C-alpha cells in the first residue's frame, strides 16, 4: 500500500450568473466524493441541486464519485442543461447566427 501523501485539486462550479472555484490540499488516497465533502464549492452546488446527487467530471470527462482524485485534477460540478446543444447548433443559435442569413 502507498504512503499517504498530500495532493492539490481544484473544484469548479458555474451557474448562469456566477463562478465558484477553490483549491484544496487533501491526503490521498481519496475519492472524488470525499473531496467534495470537504469543499465549500460543492456545498454551494448542492444548495442549487437540493437532494439530487452531483454530476461531476475531471478535466471535461465525466467520472463517478467513487473515482480516486489525482494531483492536479480539476473537478467540475455539472449543472443540468438548459437547452439541447444539438438543437442549438441546428438552429444556429449556438454560433450566434440568425435564421435567414
N, C-alpha and C. Protein backbone atom coordinates (compact mmCIF):
# COMPACT_ATOMS: atom_id res chain seq x y z
N UNK A 1 0.84 -1.18 0.00
CA UNK A 1 0.00 0.00 0.00
C UNK A 1 0.89 1.24 0.00
N UNK A 2 0.42 2.27 -0.67
CA UNK A 2 1.18 3.51 -0.78
C UNK A 2 1.07 4.33 0.50
N UNK A 3 2.14 5.08 0.78
CA UNK A 3 2.13 6.03 1.88
C UNK A 3 1.12 7.14 1.59
N UNK A 4 0.37 7.59 2.57
CA UNK A 4 -0.50 8.75 2.34
C UNK A 4 0.36 9.96 1.97
N UNK A 5 -0.13 10.74 1.02
CA UNK A 5 0.58 11.96 0.62
C UNK A 5 -0.44 13.03 0.27
N UNK A 6 0.00 14.26 0.35
CA UNK A 6 -0.89 15.38 0.04
C UNK A 6 -0.88 15.66 -1.45
N UNK A 7 -2.07 15.98 -1.97
CA UNK A 7 -2.21 16.38 -3.37
C UNK A 7 -3.07 17.64 -3.40
N UNK A 8 -2.94 18.39 -4.49
CA UNK A 8 -3.76 19.58 -4.68
C UNK A 8 -4.75 19.34 -5.81
N UNK A 9 -6.00 19.74 -5.58
CA UNK A 9 -7.04 19.63 -6.59
C UNK A 9 -7.82 20.94 -6.62
N UNK A 10 -8.45 21.21 -7.75
CA UNK A 10 -9.32 22.37 -7.90
C UNK A 10 -10.75 21.89 -8.08
N UNK A 11 -11.69 22.64 -7.53
CA UNK A 11 -13.11 22.33 -7.69
C UNK A 11 -13.77 23.54 -8.34
N UNK A 12 -14.62 23.28 -9.34
CA UNK A 12 -15.24 24.35 -10.11
C UNK A 12 -16.73 24.07 -10.28
N UNK A 13 -17.54 25.12 -10.09
CA UNK A 13 -18.98 25.05 -10.33
C UNK A 13 -19.41 26.39 -10.90
N UNK A 14 -20.16 26.37 -12.00
CA UNK A 14 -20.58 27.59 -12.67
C UNK A 14 -22.10 27.59 -12.81
N UNK A 15 -22.72 28.70 -12.41
CA UNK A 15 -24.15 28.89 -12.63
C UNK A 15 -24.32 29.85 -13.80
N UNK A 16 -25.56 30.22 -14.09
CA UNK A 16 -25.81 31.17 -15.17
C UNK A 16 -25.14 32.51 -14.90
N UNK A 17 -25.00 32.87 -13.63
CA UNK A 17 -24.51 34.21 -13.30
C UNK A 17 -23.24 34.27 -12.47
N UNK A 18 -22.74 33.12 -12.00
CA UNK A 18 -21.60 33.17 -11.09
C UNK A 18 -20.71 31.94 -11.25
N UNK A 19 -19.43 32.13 -10.94
CA UNK A 19 -18.46 31.04 -10.95
C UNK A 19 -17.92 30.85 -9.54
N UNK A 20 -17.91 29.60 -9.10
CA UNK A 20 -17.37 29.25 -7.80
C UNK A 20 -16.19 28.32 -8.03
N UNK A 21 -15.08 28.59 -7.37
CA UNK A 21 -13.94 27.70 -7.51
C UNK A 21 -13.09 27.78 -6.24
N UNK A 22 -12.36 26.71 -6.01
CA UNK A 22 -11.45 26.68 -4.88
C UNK A 22 -10.38 25.63 -5.13
N UNK A 23 -9.27 25.79 -4.47
CA UNK A 23 -8.19 24.81 -4.50
C UNK A 23 -8.12 24.18 -3.12
N UNK A 24 -8.00 22.87 -3.10
CA UNK A 24 -7.89 22.14 -1.84
C UNK A 24 -6.63 21.28 -1.84
N UNK A 25 -6.05 21.13 -0.67
CA UNK A 25 -4.98 20.17 -0.46
C UNK A 25 -5.58 19.07 0.39
N UNK A 26 -5.51 17.84 -0.13
CA UNK A 26 -6.11 16.69 0.55
C UNK A 26 -5.10 15.56 0.63
N UNK A 27 -5.35 14.62 1.52
CA UNK A 27 -4.46 13.47 1.67
C UNK A 27 -5.03 12.32 0.85
N UNK A 28 -4.23 11.75 -0.03
CA UNK A 28 -4.71 10.63 -0.83
C UNK A 28 -4.18 9.33 -0.24
N UNK A 29 -4.82 8.21 -0.51
CA UNK A 29 -5.89 8.07 -1.49
C UNK A 29 -7.20 8.68 -0.99
N UNK A 30 -7.92 9.33 -1.92
CA UNK A 30 -9.19 9.97 -1.60
C UNK A 30 -10.08 9.94 -2.84
N UNK A 31 -11.36 9.66 -2.64
CA UNK A 31 -12.29 9.62 -3.77
C UNK A 31 -12.77 11.03 -4.08
N UNK A 32 -13.35 11.19 -5.27
CA UNK A 32 -13.94 12.45 -5.67
C UNK A 32 -15.03 12.84 -4.66
N UNK A 33 -15.85 11.88 -4.24
CA UNK A 33 -16.93 12.15 -3.28
C UNK A 33 -16.35 12.69 -1.96
N UNK A 34 -15.25 12.12 -1.51
CA UNK A 34 -14.63 12.58 -0.26
C UNK A 34 -14.05 13.98 -0.41
N UNK A 35 -13.49 14.29 -1.57
CA UNK A 35 -13.00 15.65 -1.83
C UNK A 35 -14.17 16.63 -1.77
N UNK A 36 -15.27 16.27 -2.42
CA UNK A 36 -16.43 17.16 -2.46
C UNK A 36 -17.02 17.38 -1.07
N UNK A 37 -16.91 16.38 -0.20
CA UNK A 37 -17.39 16.53 1.17
C UNK A 37 -16.62 17.62 1.91
N UNK A 38 -15.38 17.88 1.52
CA UNK A 38 -14.54 18.89 2.16
C UNK A 38 -14.65 20.26 1.48
N UNK A 39 -15.40 20.35 0.40
CA UNK A 39 -15.41 21.52 -0.47
C UNK A 39 -16.56 22.49 -0.18
N UNK A 40 -16.24 23.77 -0.03
CA UNK A 40 -17.27 24.81 0.07
C UNK A 40 -18.01 24.96 -1.26
N UNK A 41 -17.27 24.86 -2.35
CA UNK A 41 -17.87 24.98 -3.68
C UNK A 41 -18.92 23.91 -3.90
N UNK A 42 -18.63 22.68 -3.48
CA UNK A 42 -19.60 21.60 -3.61
C UNK A 42 -20.83 21.86 -2.75
N UNK A 43 -20.64 22.50 -1.61
CA UNK A 43 -21.78 22.85 -0.75
C UNK A 43 -22.71 23.83 -1.46
N UNK A 44 -22.12 24.81 -2.15
CA UNK A 44 -22.91 25.78 -2.92
C UNK A 44 -23.68 25.06 -4.02
N UNK A 45 -23.00 24.15 -4.73
CA UNK A 45 -23.65 23.40 -5.80
C UNK A 45 -24.80 22.56 -5.24
N UNK A 46 -24.57 21.94 -4.10
CA UNK A 46 -25.61 21.10 -3.50
C UNK A 46 -26.83 21.92 -3.14
N UNK A 47 -26.64 23.18 -2.73
CA UNK A 47 -27.77 24.06 -2.44
C UNK A 47 -28.59 24.31 -3.71
N UNK A 48 -27.93 24.39 -4.86
CA UNK A 48 -28.63 24.59 -6.13
C UNK A 48 -29.42 23.35 -6.54
N UNK A 49 -28.86 22.16 -6.26
CA UNK A 49 -29.46 20.91 -6.72
C UNK A 49 -30.41 20.27 -5.72
N UNK A 50 -30.39 20.70 -4.50
CA UNK A 50 -31.24 20.07 -3.49
C UNK A 50 -30.74 18.67 -3.16
N UNK A 51 -31.65 17.72 -3.15
CA UNK A 51 -31.28 16.36 -2.73
C UNK A 51 -30.70 15.51 -3.86
N UNK A 52 -30.70 16.03 -5.09
CA UNK A 52 -30.14 15.25 -6.19
C UNK A 52 -28.64 15.08 -6.03
N UNK A 53 -28.10 13.96 -6.49
CA UNK A 53 -26.66 13.76 -6.39
C UNK A 53 -25.95 14.60 -7.45
N UNK A 54 -24.72 14.95 -7.16
CA UNK A 54 -23.95 15.79 -8.06
C UNK A 54 -23.42 14.98 -9.24
N UNK A 55 -23.39 15.61 -10.38
CA UNK A 55 -22.79 15.04 -11.58
C UNK A 55 -21.45 15.74 -11.76
N UNK A 56 -20.37 14.98 -11.87
CA UNK A 56 -19.03 15.58 -11.90
C UNK A 56 -18.18 15.03 -13.03
N UNK A 57 -17.14 15.78 -13.32
CA UNK A 57 -16.14 15.35 -14.28
C UNK A 57 -14.78 15.87 -13.86
N UNK A 58 -13.75 15.33 -14.48
CA UNK A 58 -12.38 15.79 -14.25
C UNK A 58 -11.82 16.18 -15.60
N UNK A 59 -11.45 17.45 -15.73
CA UNK A 59 -10.92 17.99 -16.98
C UNK A 59 -11.85 17.69 -18.15
N UNK A 60 -13.16 17.86 -17.95
CA UNK A 60 -14.13 17.73 -19.03
C UNK A 60 -14.60 16.33 -19.33
N UNK A 61 -14.14 15.35 -18.59
CA UNK A 61 -14.60 13.96 -18.79
C UNK A 61 -15.37 13.52 -17.56
N UNK A 62 -16.59 13.06 -17.78
CA UNK A 62 -17.45 12.64 -16.68
C UNK A 62 -16.79 11.47 -15.94
N UNK A 63 -16.87 11.53 -14.60
CA UNK A 63 -16.33 10.46 -13.76
C UNK A 63 -17.35 10.12 -12.68
N UNK A 64 -17.19 8.95 -12.09
CA UNK A 64 -18.03 8.55 -10.97
C UNK A 64 -17.50 9.18 -9.69
N UNK A 65 -18.38 9.39 -8.74
CA UNK A 65 -17.97 9.94 -7.46
C UNK A 65 -17.02 8.99 -6.72
N UNK A 66 -17.04 7.72 -7.09
CA UNK A 66 -16.16 6.74 -6.44
C UNK A 66 -14.75 6.70 -7.04
N UNK A 67 -14.51 7.46 -8.11
CA UNK A 67 -13.17 7.51 -8.71
C UNK A 67 -12.21 8.20 -7.75
N UNK A 68 -10.94 7.86 -7.86
CA UNK A 68 -9.94 8.46 -6.98
C UNK A 68 -9.38 9.73 -7.60
N UNK A 69 -9.20 10.75 -6.76
CA UNK A 69 -8.63 12.02 -7.19
C UNK A 69 -7.12 11.88 -7.34
N UNK A 70 -6.58 12.63 -8.30
CA UNK A 70 -5.14 12.66 -8.53
C UNK A 70 -4.66 14.10 -8.41
N UNK A 71 -3.39 14.27 -8.13
CA UNK A 71 -2.82 15.60 -8.01
C UNK A 71 -3.03 16.38 -9.30
N UNK A 72 -3.48 17.61 -9.18
CA UNK A 72 -3.69 18.46 -10.34
C UNK A 72 -5.05 18.32 -10.99
N UNK A 73 -5.91 17.45 -10.48
CA UNK A 73 -7.25 17.29 -11.05
C UNK A 73 -8.05 18.58 -10.92
N UNK A 74 -8.82 18.89 -11.96
CA UNK A 74 -9.81 19.96 -11.89
C UNK A 74 -11.17 19.26 -11.88
N UNK A 75 -11.79 19.23 -10.72
CA UNK A 75 -13.07 18.55 -10.54
C UNK A 75 -14.17 19.56 -10.87
N UNK A 76 -14.96 19.24 -11.88
CA UNK A 76 -16.01 20.13 -12.36
C UNK A 76 -17.36 19.58 -11.94
N UNK A 77 -18.17 20.41 -11.33
CA UNK A 77 -19.52 20.02 -10.93
C UNK A 77 -20.46 20.52 -12.02
N UNK A 78 -21.17 19.60 -12.65
CA UNK A 78 -22.02 19.94 -13.78
C UNK A 78 -23.45 20.25 -13.34
N UNK A 79 -24.05 21.22 -14.00
CA UNK A 79 -25.45 21.53 -13.77
C UNK A 79 -26.25 21.01 -14.96
N UNK A 80 -27.56 20.95 -14.80
CA UNK A 80 -28.42 20.48 -15.87
C UNK A 80 -28.35 21.42 -17.07
N UNK A 81 -28.47 20.85 -18.25
CA UNK A 81 -28.50 21.66 -19.46
C UNK A 81 -29.82 22.41 -19.54
N UNK A 82 -29.76 23.64 -20.00
CA UNK A 82 -30.96 24.44 -20.19
C UNK A 82 -31.58 24.12 -21.55
N UNK A 83 -30.72 23.84 -22.53
CA UNK A 83 -31.18 23.52 -23.89
C UNK A 83 -30.27 22.46 -24.47
N UNK A 84 -30.78 21.72 -25.42
CA UNK A 84 -30.02 20.67 -26.09
C UNK A 84 -29.01 21.31 -27.05
N UNK A 85 -27.68 21.08 -26.84
CA UNK A 85 -26.68 21.68 -27.72
C UNK A 85 -26.85 21.31 -29.19
N UNK A 86 -27.31 20.09 -29.48
CA UNK A 86 -27.53 19.70 -30.88
C UNK A 86 -28.60 20.56 -31.52
N UNK A 87 -29.67 20.80 -30.77
CA UNK A 87 -30.75 21.64 -31.29
C UNK A 87 -30.28 23.08 -31.48
N UNK A 88 -29.49 23.59 -30.55
CA UNK A 88 -28.96 24.95 -30.68
C UNK A 88 -28.06 25.08 -31.92
N UNK A 89 -27.22 24.07 -32.16
CA UNK A 89 -26.35 24.09 -33.34
C UNK A 89 -27.19 24.06 -34.61
N UNK A 90 -28.21 23.20 -34.60
CA UNK A 90 -29.09 23.08 -35.75
C UNK A 90 -29.76 24.41 -36.08
N UNK A 91 -30.18 25.12 -35.06
CA UNK A 91 -30.87 26.39 -35.27
C UNK A 91 -29.89 27.55 -35.49
N UNK A 92 -28.61 27.33 -35.24
CA UNK A 92 -27.61 28.38 -35.43
C UNK A 92 -27.43 29.29 -34.24
N UNK A 93 -28.23 29.09 -33.19
CA UNK A 93 -28.14 29.97 -32.02
C UNK A 93 -26.85 29.78 -31.23
N UNK A 94 -26.28 28.58 -31.26
CA UNK A 94 -25.06 28.33 -30.51
C UNK A 94 -23.91 29.14 -31.08
N UNK A 95 -23.94 29.39 -32.37
CA UNK A 95 -22.86 30.13 -33.01
C UNK A 95 -23.21 31.60 -33.17
N UNK A 96 -24.35 32.02 -32.64
CA UNK A 96 -24.74 33.41 -32.71
C UNK A 96 -25.29 33.82 -34.07
N UNK A 97 -25.67 32.86 -34.88
CA UNK A 97 -26.22 33.16 -36.21
C UNK A 97 -27.72 33.36 -36.13
N UNK A 98 -28.23 34.13 -37.04
CA UNK A 98 -29.67 34.32 -37.13
C UNK A 98 -30.21 33.56 -38.32
N UNK A 99 -31.42 33.10 -38.19
CA UNK A 99 -32.06 32.42 -39.33
C UNK A 99 -32.29 33.42 -40.44
N UNK A 100 -32.22 32.93 -41.68
CA UNK A 100 -32.49 33.78 -42.82
C UNK A 100 -31.27 34.51 -43.33
N UNK A 101 -30.12 34.24 -42.78
CA UNK A 101 -28.89 34.90 -43.26
C UNK A 101 -28.09 33.96 -44.10
